[in-house]
Amino acid sequence: MLPDKIKILDLSIGQEGRGQLVHQSQFEFRYLESGLLQPSVGLLMPPTKLTYLDSALFPVMDQNLPEGDLFMRLRQMFVKQPLTAMHLLALSGVNGIGRLGFSIPGSQVVPKPAVITREQLLSLPFTPAVFDDLVHAYLSTGAGVAGMQPKIMVPDRATVPIPTVIVKAGSTTYPGLAVNEFLCLKAASAAGIQTPTFELSHDGQLLLVDRFDIDANGNRLGFEDIASIMGLRVRDTLSDRKYHGSYERVAEALRMLRLPENDLHRFFEQVALTVMVSNGDGHLKNYGVLYTNSSDIRLAPMFDVVTTSIYRYARLQGGEDLEDRTMALKLFAGRGQTRTYPTTAELLRFGRDVCRVNEPGKVIQRIADAMSDTLADARQDQRIAPQTLTRMADVWDGGLAYAHHAA
């Protein structure tokens, strides 16, 4: 059980206590100390100031609040308790994506759950009940991950003190979702686009994705999604803010952070693949940066990418089922721009003018080749249901056309 009211949380950065978050009439964050050696809680909150005040939760803390399936599970577990932002941060604990951790002052350390090996995860015979058991067993270590899809973080290495693998499952609403994301990530990786390490379970029902915010030595890196960098909060009455804006504005934000020019080229690759696989959910929370300090910032790998247009949704209750045929964001900023998927000429112009790619057509061709190879391999993969593959191949044919027109 949690307290009915939580007014103070201790905040750690990379497992070390660095400040306190206080909520009374407003949110207040207090650094315990200042100075050049003090790590920053977020790129918009450097330790040059000891105290920050805001009427709402700070974006860098808002970004990892559980949502979707995980939030509903928490709601069911704490049915008689409030779940304010402070409660959700307390439940997220010290293992969330990035390097921030939260705990109630004086609370007991949660015992570490047993390590589950990668092969055990890959061999799990998926059923909703099995996934429920996995969530309940590891919720104390894995609540600090955002996103609507059913997912949980689990530890698979005894040598690393935090969970290192995100386990994702499908749902009745979105059948074949694990396979869908697996194929999109496989195409991205084959095209030379940086992705986390990922694997599909033996029955094709679970996707294992390694956390990309932990370096080779087990150290945690700072992570912020683009919504946080833009100072936007998404868990409020305007929860669709992650769908506001354009990829051009995202590129501008990356330039303001002084990322290397190559990272803008990498961002074009991510946007081009999003367009070509018809990923209509490439919103502001699905792009981000990693950092150790303000002078060492780089684009995060591509993550959370699926072909959304193979699924249908009802715009209104009882209304006609529709296909998702628009992007999450506009390609270009400005009046008159829409979320309609761009023409080849528009995508090439975005690469040249916005991301400064000399030969964007070659990037598009490389992605198209990788998509074709991925589909060919998938036809030999018994884990992939033929109906899912057929639907994705039909959609990806439209994406391959970008390469034909760019030639």
Protein backbone atom coordinates (compact mmCIF):
# COMPACT_ATOMS: atom_id res chain seq x y z
CA MET A 1 0.00 0.00 0.00
CA LEU A 2 1.08 3.59 -0.68
CA PRO A 3 0.36 6.65 1.46
CA ASP A 4 -2.78 8.50 0.44
CA LYS A 5 -0.69 11.63 0.01
CA ILE A 6 2.93 11.81 -1.10
CA LYS A 7 4.44 15.26 -0.71
CA ILE A 8 8.15 14.44 -0.95
CA LEU A 9 10.19 12.01 -3.02
CA ASP A 10 13.92 11.49 -2.91
CA LEU A 11 15.45 11.69 -6.38
CA SER A 12 18.54 9.78 -7.43
CA ILE A 13 20.64 10.19 -10.55
CA GLY A 14 22.41 7.01 -11.52
CA GLN A 15 21.62 5.38 -8.16
CA GLU A 16 23.04 8.29 -6.10
CA GLY A 17 20.83 10.64 -4.08
CA ARG A 18 20.91 14.06 -5.74
CA GLY A 19 17.76 15.95 -4.77
CA GLN A 20 14.17 16.03 -3.63
CA LEU A 21 10.89 16.50 -5.47
CA VAL A 22 8.24 18.28 -3.41
CA HIS A 23 4.57 18.67 -4.30
CA GLN A 24 2.34 21.03 -2.39
CA SER A 25 0.56 23.84 -4.23
CA GLN A 26 3.10 23.34 -7.02
CA PHE A 27 6.01 21.08 -7.92
CA GLU A 28 9.44 21.98 -6.58
CA PHE A 29 12.71 20.22 -7.31
CA ARG A 30 15.67 20.88 -5.04
CA TYR A 31 19.24 19.87 -5.85
CA LEU A 32 21.17 18.77 -2.78
CA GLU A 33 24.23 20.56 -4.11
CA SER A 34 25.30 22.60 -7.10
CA GLY A 35 28.48 22.77 -9.10
CA LEU A 36 30.05 21.56 -12.31
CA LEU A 37 30.46 18.00 -11.01
CA GLN A 38 26.78 17.70 -10.10
CA PRO A 39 24.96 15.70 -12.82
CA SER A 40 21.91 17.34 -14.31
CA VAL A 41 18.44 16.02 -13.57
CA GLY A 42 17.51 17.01 -17.12
CA LEU A 43 18.75 19.06 -20.05
CA LEU A 44 16.26 21.84 -19.22
CA MET A 45 17.11 21.73 -15.50
CA PRO A 46 20.89 22.21 -15.10
CA PRO A 47 22.36 22.47 -11.57
CA THR A 48 23.26 26.10 -12.17
CA LYS A 49 20.06 26.65 -10.17
CA LEU A 50 19.44 24.79 -6.92
CA THR A 51 15.64 25.01 -7.08
CA TYR A 52 13.07 24.69 -9.86
CA LEU A 53 9.35 25.44 -9.53
CA ASP A 54 6.46 24.55 -11.85
CA SER A 55 2.69 24.22 -11.66
CA ALA A 56 2.91 20.78 -13.29
CA LEU A 57 5.34 17.88 -13.10
CA PHE A 58 8.64 18.62 -14.83
CA PRO A 59 8.74 17.11 -18.36
CA VAL A 60 11.88 15.02 -17.74
CA MET A 61 10.00 13.29 -14.90
CA ASP A 62 6.67 13.16 -16.72
CA GLN A 63 8.15 11.28 -19.67
CA ASN A 64 8.37 7.86 -18.00
CA LEU A 65 5.08 7.82 -16.10
CA PRO A 66 3.30 4.54 -16.87
CA GLU A 67 0.45 4.77 -19.35
CA GLY A 68 -1.73 2.47 -21.39
CA ASP A 69 -1.74 -1.18 -20.36
CA LEU A 70 0.72 -0.74 -17.48
CA PHE A 71 -1.24 2.17 -16.00
CA MET A 72 -4.47 0.17 -16.13
CA ARG A 73 -2.78 -2.72 -14.32
CA LEU A 74 -1.59 -0.33 -11.61
CA ARG A 75 -5.07 1.15 -11.37
CA GLN A 76 -6.50 -2.32 -10.76
CA MET A 77 -3.87 -3.11 -8.13
CA PHE A 78 -4.40 0.16 -6.23
CA VAL A 79 -8.12 0.50 -6.83
CA LYS A 80 -8.85 2.31 -3.54
CA GLN A 81 -5.88 4.65 -3.64
CA PRO A 82 -5.18 7.82 -5.58
CA LEU A 83 -2.63 7.54 -8.34
CA THR A 84 -1.25 11.05 -8.60
CA ALA A 85 1.95 11.85 -10.45
CA MET A 86 3.82 11.49 -7.14
CA HIS A 87 2.31 8.03 -6.59
CA LEU A 88 3.22 6.95 -10.11
CA LEU A 89 6.80 8.17 -9.68
CA ALA A 90 7.05 6.25 -6.41
CA LEU A 91 5.81 3.13 -8.21
CA SER A 92 8.29 3.74 -11.04
CA GLY A 93 11.03 3.50 -8.43
CA VAL A 94 14.72 3.68 -9.24
CA ASN A 95 14.85 1.62 -12.43
CA GLY A 96 13.05 3.77 -15.00
CA ILE A 97 14.37 4.44 -18.49
CA GLY A 98 17.16 7.00 -18.18
CA ARG A 99 19.08 7.62 -14.99
CA LEU A 100 16.46 9.14 -12.65
CA GLY A 101 15.06 7.21 -9.70
CA PHE A 102 12.37 8.05 -7.15
CA SER A 103 11.66 6.77 -3.65
CA ILE A 104 9.61 7.74 -0.61
CA PRO A 105 11.96 9.04 2.11
CA GLY A 106 12.63 6.37 4.69
CA SER A 107 11.00 3.60 2.65
CA GLN A 108 12.49 0.14 2.71
CA VAL A 109 14.54 -1.02 -0.23
CA VAL A 110 12.48 -3.35 -2.42
CA PRO A 111 14.08 -6.81 -2.57
CA LYS A 112 15.48 -7.62 -5.98
CA PRO A 113 13.38 -10.20 -7.82
CA ALA A 114 15.01 -13.28 -9.27
CA VAL A 115 16.90 -12.94 -12.52
CA ILE A 116 15.15 -14.59 -15.45
CA THR A 117 17.40 -15.64 -18.28
CA ARG A 118 16.97 -14.61 -21.86
CA GLU A 119 16.36 -18.19 -22.95
CA GLN A 120 13.63 -18.55 -20.32
CA LEU A 121 11.95 -15.45 -21.69
CA LEU A 122 12.26 -16.59 -25.29
CA SER A 123 10.82 -19.99 -24.37
CA LEU A 124 7.81 -18.69 -22.43
CA PRO A 125 4.61 -20.16 -23.94
CA PHE A 126 2.63 -16.95 -24.18
CA THR A 127 -0.89 -16.65 -22.86
CA PRO A 128 -2.48 -13.55 -21.27
CA ALA A 129 -2.24 -15.32 -17.90
CA VAL A 130 1.49 -16.01 -18.37
CA PHE A 131 2.14 -12.37 -19.19
CA ASP A 132 0.05 -11.30 -16.17
CA ASP A 133 2.28 -13.46 -13.96
CA LEU A 134 5.38 -11.88 -15.50
CA VAL A 135 4.07 -8.37 -14.84
CA HIS A 136 3.17 -9.14 -11.23
CA ALA A 137 6.54 -10.79 -10.59
CA TYR A 138 8.56 -7.87 -11.95
CA LEU A 139 6.34 -4.81 -11.46
CA SER A 140 8.56 -3.61 -8.61
CA THR A 141 11.46 -3.31 -11.07
CA GLY A 142 9.68 -2.39 -14.27
CA ALA A 143 7.02 0.29 -13.78
CA GLY A 144 9.21 3.10 -15.09
CA VAL A 145 8.58 2.52 -18.78
CA ALA A 146 6.08 4.54 -20.80
CA GLY A 147 4.01 3.53 -23.82
CA MET A 148 0.54 2.14 -24.52
CA GLN A 149 1.61 -1.41 -25.47
CA PRO A 150 1.64 -4.21 -22.83
CA LYS A 151 5.24 -4.29 -21.58
CA ILE A 152 7.35 -4.86 -18.49
CA MET A 153 11.07 -4.56 -17.65
CA VAL A 154 12.85 -7.60 -16.27
CA PRO A 155 16.41 -8.35 -15.07
CA ASP A 156 18.30 -10.92 -17.13
CA ARG A 157 21.83 -10.32 -15.79
CA ALA A 158 22.85 -10.71 -12.16
CA THR A 159 25.86 -8.45 -12.76
CA VAL A 160 23.69 -5.40 -13.58
CA PRO A 161 21.64 -4.03 -10.65
CA ILE A 162 18.69 -2.84 -12.75
CA PRO A 163 16.34 -4.56 -15.21
CA THR A 164 17.91 -4.61 -18.66
CA VAL A 165 15.25 -6.14 -20.94
CA ILE A 166 11.85 -4.77 -21.95
CA VAL A 167 9.38 -7.56 -22.68
CA LYS A 168 6.54 -6.54 -25.01
CA ALA A 169 3.37 -8.47 -25.80
CA GLY A 170 0.53 -8.12 -28.26
CA SER A 171 -3.15 -7.80 -27.47
CA THR A 172 -6.49 -8.82 -28.90
CA THR A 173 -6.90 -5.27 -30.19
CA TYR A 174 -3.58 -5.38 -32.06
CA PRO A 175 -2.90 -8.99 -33.06
CA GLY A 176 0.61 -9.81 -34.19
CA LEU A 177 2.05 -6.68 -32.59
CA ALA A 178 5.25 -8.36 -31.39
CA VAL A 179 5.94 -9.73 -34.88
CA ASN A 180 5.06 -6.38 -36.40
CA GLU A 181 7.62 -4.48 -34.34
CA PHE A 182 10.18 -7.27 -34.81
CA LEU A 183 9.98 -6.95 -38.59
CA CYS A 184 10.15 -3.14 -38.48
CA LEU A 185 13.21 -3.21 -36.22
CA LYS A 186 14.78 -5.92 -38.37
CA ALA A 187 14.32 -3.79 -41.49
CA ALA A 188 15.78 -0.78 -39.69
CA SER A 189 18.80 -2.74 -38.49
CA ALA A 190 19.36 -4.27 -41.94
CA ALA A 191 19.32 -0.74 -43.40
CA GLY A 192 22.12 0.31 -41.05
CA ILE A 193 19.84 2.28 -38.73
CA GLN A 194 20.88 1.99 -35.10
CA THR A 195 18.38 0.04 -32.98
CA PRO A 196 18.45 -1.63 -29.58
CA THR A 197 19.22 -5.35 -29.56
CA PHE A 198 15.97 -7.27 -30.00
CA GLU A 199 14.70 -10.84 -30.30
CA LEU A 200 11.38 -12.52 -31.01
CA SER A 201 10.26 -15.33 -28.70
CA HIS A 202 10.09 -18.89 -30.00
CA ASP A 203 6.30 -18.70 -30.37
CA GLY A 204 6.38 -15.22 -31.94
CA GLN A 205 4.22 -13.69 -29.21
CA LEU A 206 6.77 -11.73 -27.17
CA LEU A 207 9.39 -9.20 -28.26
CA LEU A 208 12.50 -8.73 -26.13
CA VAL A 209 14.18 -5.33 -26.50
CA ASP A 210 17.38 -4.48 -24.64
CA ARG A 211 17.47 -1.13 -22.89
CA PHE A 212 19.66 1.30 -24.82
CA ASP A 213 20.20 3.68 -21.88
CA ILE A 214 22.83 1.44 -20.23
CA ASP A 215 26.41 1.50 -21.50
CA ALA A 216 28.73 -1.48 -21.91
CA ASN A 217 29.96 -1.09 -18.33
CA GLY A 218 26.46 -1.13 -16.85
CA ASN A 219 26.38 2.64 -16.25
CA ARG A 220 23.08 4.43 -16.78
CA LEU A 221 22.82 7.21 -19.36
CA GLY A 222 20.53 10.18 -19.30
CA PHE A 223 17.59 9.86 -21.68
CA GLU A 224 14.99 12.40 -22.73
CA ASP A 225 12.35 12.05 -25.39
CA ILE A 226 11.62 14.92 -27.74
CA ALA A 227 8.43 15.87 -25.87
CA SER A 228 10.54 16.44 -22.75
CA ILE A 229 13.16 18.42 -24.67
CA MET A 230 10.37 20.64 -26.03
CA GLY A 231 9.06 21.16 -22.49
CA LEU A 232 5.83 19.26 -23.15
CA ARG A 233 3.97 17.06 -20.70
CA VAL A 234 1.71 14.39 -22.12
CA ARG A 235 -0.03 12.96 -19.04
CA ASP A 236 -2.48 15.80 -18.51
CA THR A 237 -5.82 16.95 -19.91
CA LEU A 238 -4.13 17.49 -23.28
CA SER A 239 -2.63 14.02 -23.50
CA ASP A 240 -2.44 14.22 -27.29
CA ARG A 241 0.38 16.77 -27.13
CA LYS A 242 2.82 14.11 -28.24
CA TYR A 243 1.04 14.29 -31.61
CA HIS A 244 1.51 18.06 -31.95
CA GLY A 245 4.16 19.47 -34.22
CA SER A 246 6.33 18.29 -37.08
CA TYR A 247 9.46 16.33 -37.80
CA GLU A 248 11.02 19.56 -39.02
CA ARG A 249 10.58 21.05 -35.53
CA VAL A 250 12.15 17.90 -34.05
CA ALA A 251 15.19 18.40 -36.29
CA GLU A 252 15.39 22.02 -35.13
CA ALA A 253 15.34 20.87 -31.50
CA LEU A 254 18.19 18.46 -32.21
CA ARG A 255 20.20 21.26 -33.82
CA MET A 256 19.61 23.47 -30.77
CA LEU A 257 21.16 20.72 -28.64
CA ARG A 258 24.21 20.90 -30.93
CA LEU A 259 24.11 17.26 -31.88
CA PRO A 260 26.74 16.14 -34.39
CA GLU A 261 25.75 16.60 -38.02
CA ASN A 262 25.76 12.83 -38.43
CA ASP A 263 22.94 12.58 -35.91
CA LEU A 264 20.73 14.73 -38.15
CA HIS A 265 21.49 12.26 -40.95
CA ARG A 266 20.52 9.44 -38.58
CA PHE A 267 17.29 11.26 -37.77
CA PHE A 268 16.44 11.39 -41.47
CA GLU A 269 16.96 7.64 -41.65
CA GLN A 270 14.51 7.18 -38.75
CA VAL A 271 11.91 9.45 -40.34
CA ALA A 272 12.32 7.83 -43.77
CA LEU A 273 11.81 4.35 -42.32
CA THR A 274 8.80 5.61 -40.32
CA VAL A 275 7.27 6.83 -43.57
CA MET A 276 8.16 3.78 -45.66
CA VAL A 277 6.84 1.16 -43.21
CA SER A 278 3.74 3.27 -42.57
CA ASN A 279 4.36 3.84 -38.87
CA GLY A 280 1.59 6.27 -37.96
CA ASP A 281 2.65 6.38 -34.30
CA GLY A 282 6.06 8.03 -34.64
CA HIS A 283 5.15 10.78 -32.16
CA LEU A 284 7.32 13.05 -30.01
CA LYS A 285 7.87 10.40 -27.33
CA ASN A 286 9.23 7.88 -29.83
CA TYR A 287 12.36 9.89 -30.62
CA GLY A 288 14.91 11.00 -28.07
CA VAL A 289 18.50 11.66 -27.05
CA LEU A 290 21.03 10.02 -24.75
CA TYR A 291 23.65 11.91 -22.77
CA THR A 292 26.19 11.82 -19.97
CA ASN A 293 26.39 15.62 -19.72
CA SER A 294 25.34 18.69 -21.70
CA SER A 295 28.38 18.46 -24.00
CA ASP A 296 27.87 14.77 -24.78
CA ILE A 297 24.42 14.42 -26.34
CA ARG A 298 23.54 12.02 -29.14
CA LEU A 299 20.45 10.73 -30.91
CA ALA A 300 18.93 7.64 -29.32
CA PRO A 301 18.50 4.48 -31.40
CA MET A 302 15.23 3.90 -33.21
CA PHE A 303 12.60 2.30 -30.97
CA ASP A 304 8.85 1.68 -30.75
CA VAL A 305 8.29 1.43 -34.51
CA VAL A 306 5.39 -0.58 -35.96
CA THR A 307 3.37 -0.69 -39.17
CA THR A 308 0.19 0.83 -37.77
CA SER A 309 -1.89 0.81 -40.93
CA ILE A 310 -2.48 -2.95 -40.80
CA TYR A 311 -4.81 -2.30 -37.86
CA ARG A 312 -8.27 -0.81 -37.92
CA TYR A 313 -9.86 1.43 -35.31
CA ALA A 314 -13.26 2.94 -34.63
CA ARG A 315 -13.19 6.74 -34.69
CA LEU A 316 -16.43 6.89 -32.73
CA GLN A 317 -18.04 4.27 -30.53
CA GLY A 318 -20.12 2.06 -32.79
CA GLY A 319 -18.76 3.86 -35.84
CA GLU A 320 -17.18 2.47 -38.94
CA ASP A 321 -13.76 0.83 -38.57
CA LEU A 322 -11.08 2.92 -40.27
CA GLU A 323 -7.47 2.39 -41.23
CA ASP A 324 -4.72 4.61 -39.88
CA ARG A 325 -3.48 6.33 -43.03
CA THR A 326 -1.82 9.43 -41.57
CA MET A 327 1.47 10.15 -39.81
CA ALA A 328 1.72 11.04 -36.12
CA LEU A 329 3.36 14.37 -36.96
CA LYS A 330 3.50 16.64 -39.96
CA LEU A 331 6.65 16.35 -42.03
CA PHE A 332 7.20 20.10 -42.41
CA ALA A 333 6.29 22.93 -40.08
CA GLY A 334 4.00 25.77 -41.09
CA ARG A 335 0.42 26.50 -41.99
CA GLY A 336 -1.26 24.32 -44.54
CA GLN A 337 0.89 21.28 -43.75
CA THR A 338 -0.90 18.00 -43.05
CA ARG A 339 -0.14 14.57 -41.61
CA THR A 340 -0.63 12.95 -45.00
CA TYR A 341 2.24 10.67 -45.95
CA PRO A 342 4.66 12.69 -48.11
CA THR A 343 5.43 12.30 -51.76
CA THR A 344 8.88 11.07 -52.72
CA ALA A 345 9.87 14.63 -53.68
CA GLU A 346 8.80 15.91 -50.25
CA LEU A 347 10.72 13.20 -48.43
CA LEU A 348 13.83 13.93 -50.50
CA ARG A 349 13.47 17.65 -49.78
CA PHE A 350 13.16 16.93 -46.06
CA GLY A 351 16.40 14.94 -46.21
CA ARG A 352 18.31 17.58 -48.16
CA ASP A 353 16.98 20.83 -46.68
CA VAL A 354 16.11 19.89 -43.11
CA CYS A 355 18.55 17.09 -42.26
CA ARG A 356 21.34 18.16 -44.66
CA VAL A 357 21.74 14.74 -46.26
CA ASN A 358 23.64 15.05 -49.54
CA GLU A 359 22.06 12.05 -51.27
CA PRO A 360 18.78 11.21 -49.53
CA GLY A 361 17.74 9.01 -52.46
CA LYS A 362 20.48 6.54 -51.58
CA VAL A 363 19.19 6.38 -48.01
CA ILE A 364 15.69 5.61 -49.27
CA GLN A 365 17.04 2.91 -51.58
CA ARG A 366 19.02 1.34 -48.74
CA ILE A 367 15.90 1.20 -46.56
CA ALA A 368 13.84 -0.26 -49.41
CA ASP A 369 16.41 -3.00 -49.99
CA ALA A 370 16.37 -3.85 -46.29
CA MET A 371 12.57 -4.00 -46.24
CA SER A 372 12.56 -6.38 -49.22
CA ASP A 373 15.19 -8.62 -47.61
CA THR A 374 13.26 -8.62 -44.31
CA LEU A 375 10.06 -9.73 -46.04
CA ALA A 376 11.94 -12.50 -47.88
CA ASP A 377 13.45 -13.78 -44.62
CA ALA A 378 10.07 -13.58 -42.85
CA ARG A 379 8.49 -15.95 -45.37
CA GLN A 380 10.84 -18.66 -44.08
CA ASP A 381 10.19 -17.87 -40.40
CA GLN A 382 7.62 -20.21 -38.89
CA ARG A 383 7.04 -17.86 -35.94
CA ILE A 384 5.40 -15.31 -38.22
CA ALA A 385 1.73 -15.88 -39.00
CA PRO A 386 1.07 -15.79 -42.77
CA GLN A 387 -1.88 -13.41 -42.39
CA THR A 388 0.25 -10.88 -40.48
CA LEU A 389 3.03 -11.12 -43.05
CA THR A 390 0.62 -10.73 -45.96
CA ARG A 391 -0.90 -7.59 -44.48
CA MET A 392 2.48 -6.06 -43.75
CA ALA A 393 3.82 -6.93 -47.21
CA ASP A 394 0.84 -5.22 -48.81
CA VAL A 395 1.54 -2.04 -46.85
CA TRP A 396 5.29 -2.18 -47.36
CA ASP A 397 4.80 -2.37 -51.13
CA GLY A 398 3.69 1.24 -50.92
CA GLY A 399 6.85 2.11 -49.01
CA LEU A 400 9.05 0.41 -51.58
CA ALA A 401 7.57 2.73 -54.20
CA TYR A 402 9.53 5.63 -52.64
CA ALA A 403 12.74 3.99 -53.85
CA HIS A 404 11.38 3.53 -57.38
CA HIS A 405 10.46 7.22 -57.60
CA ALA A 406 13.72 8.39 -56.02
CA ALA A 407 15.87 6.48 -58.49
